[in-house]
Structures are given as C-alpha cells and as structure tokens.
Amino acid sequence: MIRILSDENVHADIVSGLRQEGFDLVTAVDLGLAGRKDIEILDYAENHNLLILTGDKTSAVLSSSGICGEEAGYCCFATKFSMSKTS
C-alpha cells in the first residue's frame, strides 16, 4: 500500500477526504515535523518510504528538482518506491 506524508501546505479538507477514502496518510504535524525545513521532510519521507503530498509551490526541494512547476496546485512525488507485493 502506498503511504503518504502530507506537508503543512495541504488543506485539512484534502487530508480529511483522502483519509476518508482509505488512504494511509500522515501529516507533518502528526509526526512532529511542523515547521521543519523542506529537506528534513524529504529525508523523513525517504527513510520511511513515504510519498510526499505538498501544496508548497515554493519548496526549495521541489523547485530545484524540477518536479513541480509554478503552475502546480498540489504535487505528489515518491522519494523511492518499491512495487513488491507484501502479504
């Protein structure tokens, strides 16, 4: 199952809606990462195999990587991802 880490810039209604739809989603606030630098959020996500959901168009990590452009509203990206099936 894909696990999602939502940063602080994703509206609470989106987080709530994704959770109601059954997504395994934690927020930066849930994890005590509120106010941390973008690179710290990225490192956490990478170390815990989480897909990042962000609404931060000015993220230094995203801007320098070219992952999300200025026209993006929300962006999801995986730091690493395994397609192996677990039981």
C-alpha atoms as a PDB file:
ATOM      1  CA  MET A   1       0.000   0.000   0.000  1.00  0.00           C
ATOM      2  CA  ILE A   2       1.194   3.494  -0.769  1.00  0.00           C
ATOM      3  CA  ARG A   3       1.794   5.570   2.347  1.00  0.00           C
ATOM      4  CA  ILE A   4       1.533   9.351   2.076  1.00  0.00           C
ATOM      5  CA  LEU A   5       3.183  12.154   4.022  1.00  0.00           C
ATOM      6  CA  SER A   6       1.284  15.410   3.666  1.00  0.00           C
ATOM      7  CA  ASP A   7       3.222  18.566   4.401  1.00  0.00           C
ATOM      8  CA  GLU A   8       1.776  21.582   6.205  1.00  0.00           C
ATOM      9  CA  ASN A   9       0.675  23.262   2.981  1.00  0.00           C
ATOM     10  CA  VAL A  10      -2.056  20.770   2.116  1.00  0.00           C
ATOM     11  CA  HIS A  11      -5.526  21.946   3.153  1.00  0.00           C
ATOM     12  CA  ALA A  12      -7.104  19.980   6.014  1.00  0.00           C
ATOM     13  CA  ASP A  13     -10.162  19.168   3.856  1.00  0.00           C
ATOM     14  CA  ILE A  14      -7.930  17.375   1.356  1.00  0.00           C
ATOM     15  CA  VAL A  15      -6.189  15.426   4.116  1.00  0.00           C
ATOM     16  CA  SER A  16      -9.563  14.506   5.637  1.00  0.00           C
ATOM     17  CA  GLY A  17     -11.001  13.474   2.272  1.00  0.00           C
ATOM     18  CA  LEU A  18      -8.033  11.242   1.433  1.00  0.00           C
ATOM     19  CA  ARG A  19      -8.242   9.583   4.835  1.00  0.00           C
ATOM     20  CA  GLN A  20     -11.995   9.016   4.388  1.00  0.00           C
ATOM     21  CA  GLU A  21     -11.234   7.340   1.051  1.00  0.00           C
ATOM     22  CA  GLY A  22      -8.927   4.914   2.846  1.00  0.00           C
ATOM     23  CA  PHE A  23      -5.519   6.374   2.038  1.00  0.00           C
ATOM     24  CA  ASP A  24      -2.767   5.718   4.581  1.00  0.00           C
ATOM     25  CA  LEU A  25      -1.853   9.346   5.180  1.00  0.00           C
ATOM     26  CA  VAL A  26       0.104  11.079   7.931  1.00  0.00           C
ATOM     27  CA  THR A  27       0.812  14.777   8.150  1.00  0.00           C
ATOM     28  CA  ALA A  28       3.988  16.596   9.071  1.00  0.00           C
ATOM     29  CA  VAL A  29       2.088  17.868  12.122  1.00  0.00           C
ATOM     30  CA  ASP A  30       1.117  14.292  13.129  1.00  0.00           C
ATOM     31  CA  LEU A  31       4.805  13.357  13.054  1.00  0.00           C
ATOM     32  CA  GLY A  32       6.090  16.383  14.944  1.00  0.00           C
ATOM     33  CA  LEU A  33       7.709  17.765  11.794  1.00  0.00           C
ATOM     34  CA  ALA A  34       5.774  21.050  11.727  1.00  0.00           C
ATOM     35  CA  GLY A  35       7.985  23.981  10.833  1.00  0.00           C
ATOM     36  CA  ARG A  36      10.881  21.795   9.713  1.00  0.00           C
ATOM     37  CA  LYS A  37      12.888  22.599   6.598  1.00  0.00           C
ATOM     38  CA  ASP A  38      11.808  21.006   3.311  1.00  0.00           C
ATOM     39  CA  ILE A  39      14.935  18.856   3.193  1.00  0.00           C
ATOM     40  CA  GLU A  40      14.114  17.403   6.627  1.00  0.00           C
ATOM     41  CA  ILE A  41      10.620  16.451   5.440  1.00  0.00           C
ATOM     42  CA  LEU A  42      12.138  14.894   2.320  1.00  0.00           C
ATOM     43  CA  ASP A  43      14.677  12.938   4.376  1.00  0.00           C
ATOM     44  CA  TYR A  44      11.954  11.646   6.685  1.00  0.00           C
ATOM     45  CA  ALA A  45       9.806  10.560   3.746  1.00  0.00           C
ATOM     46  CA  GLU A  46      12.726   8.827   2.079  1.00  0.00           C
ATOM     47  CA  ASN A  47      13.729   6.988   5.253  1.00  0.00           C
ATOM     48  CA  HIS A  48      10.150   5.788   5.801  1.00  0.00           C
ATOM     49  CA  ASN A  49       9.249   5.065   2.166  1.00  0.00           C
ATOM     50  CA  LEU A  50       6.503   7.699   2.021  1.00  0.00           C
ATOM     51  CA  LEU A  51       5.111   9.514  -0.982  1.00  0.00           C
ATOM     52  CA  ILE A  52       5.049  13.268  -0.349  1.00  0.00           C
ATOM     53  CA  LEU A  53       1.942  15.358  -0.975  1.00  0.00           C
ATOM     54  CA  THR A  54       2.606  19.090  -0.966  1.00  0.00           C
ATOM     55  CA  GLY A  55       0.894  22.306  -1.880  1.00  0.00           C
ATOM     56  CA  ASP A  56       4.097  24.307  -1.470  1.00  0.00           C
ATOM     57  CA  LYS A  57       4.915  25.766  -4.874  1.00  0.00           C
ATOM     58  CA  THR A  58       7.985  27.479  -3.445  1.00  0.00           C
ATOM     59  CA  SER A  59       9.535  24.373  -1.924  1.00  0.00           C
ATOM     60  CA  ALA A  60      13.281  24.535  -2.405  1.00  0.00           C
ATOM     61  CA  VAL A  61      13.442  20.772  -2.835  1.00  0.00           C
ATOM     62  CA  LEU A  62      10.731  20.665  -5.491  1.00  0.00           C
ATOM     63  CA  SER A  63      11.894  23.768  -7.338  1.00  0.00           C
ATOM     64  CA  SER A  64      15.491  22.620  -7.605  1.00  0.00           C
ATOM     65  CA  SER A  65      14.445  19.138  -8.720  1.00  0.00           C
ATOM     66  CA  GLY A  66      12.070  20.354 -11.433  1.00  0.00           C
ATOM     67  CA  ILE A  67       9.374  18.038 -10.058  1.00  0.00           C
ATOM     68  CA  CYS A  68       6.704  20.711  -9.682  1.00  0.00           C
ATOM     69  CA  GLY A  69       6.441  23.868 -11.703  1.00  0.00           C
ATOM     70  CA  GLU A  70       4.849  27.135 -10.693  1.00  0.00           C
ATOM     71  CA  GLU A  71       1.556  26.104 -12.297  1.00  0.00           C
ATOM     72  CA  ALA A  72       1.169  23.101  -9.986  1.00  0.00           C
ATOM     73  CA  GLY A  73      -1.609  23.187  -7.413  1.00  0.00           C
ATOM     74  CA  TYR A  74      -0.679  20.070  -5.469  1.00  0.00           C
ATOM     75  CA  CYS A  75       2.134  17.707  -6.200  1.00  0.00           C
ATOM     76  CA  CYS A  76       2.858  14.137  -5.169  1.00  0.00           C
ATOM     77  CA  PHE A  77       6.215  12.532  -5.596  1.00  0.00           C
ATOM     78  CA  ALA A  78       7.962   9.453  -4.332  1.00  0.00           C
ATOM     79  CA  THR A  79      11.426   9.619  -2.878  1.00  0.00           C
ATOM     80  CA  LYS A  80      11.794   5.886  -3.515  1.00  0.00           C
ATOM     81  CA  PHE A  81       9.197   3.299  -4.236  1.00  0.00           C
ATOM     82  CA  SER A  82       9.001  -0.453  -4.217  1.00  0.00           C
ATOM     83  CA  MET A  83       6.392  -2.302  -6.247  1.00  0.00           C
ATOM     84  CA  SER A  84       6.960  -5.541  -4.345  1.00  0.00           C
ATOM     85  CA  LYS A  85       3.803  -7.153  -3.050  1.00  0.00           C
ATOM     86  CA  THR A  86       3.582  -7.813   0.670  1.00  0.00           C
ATOM     87  CA  SER A  87       1.157 -10.035   2.475  1.00  0.00           C
END
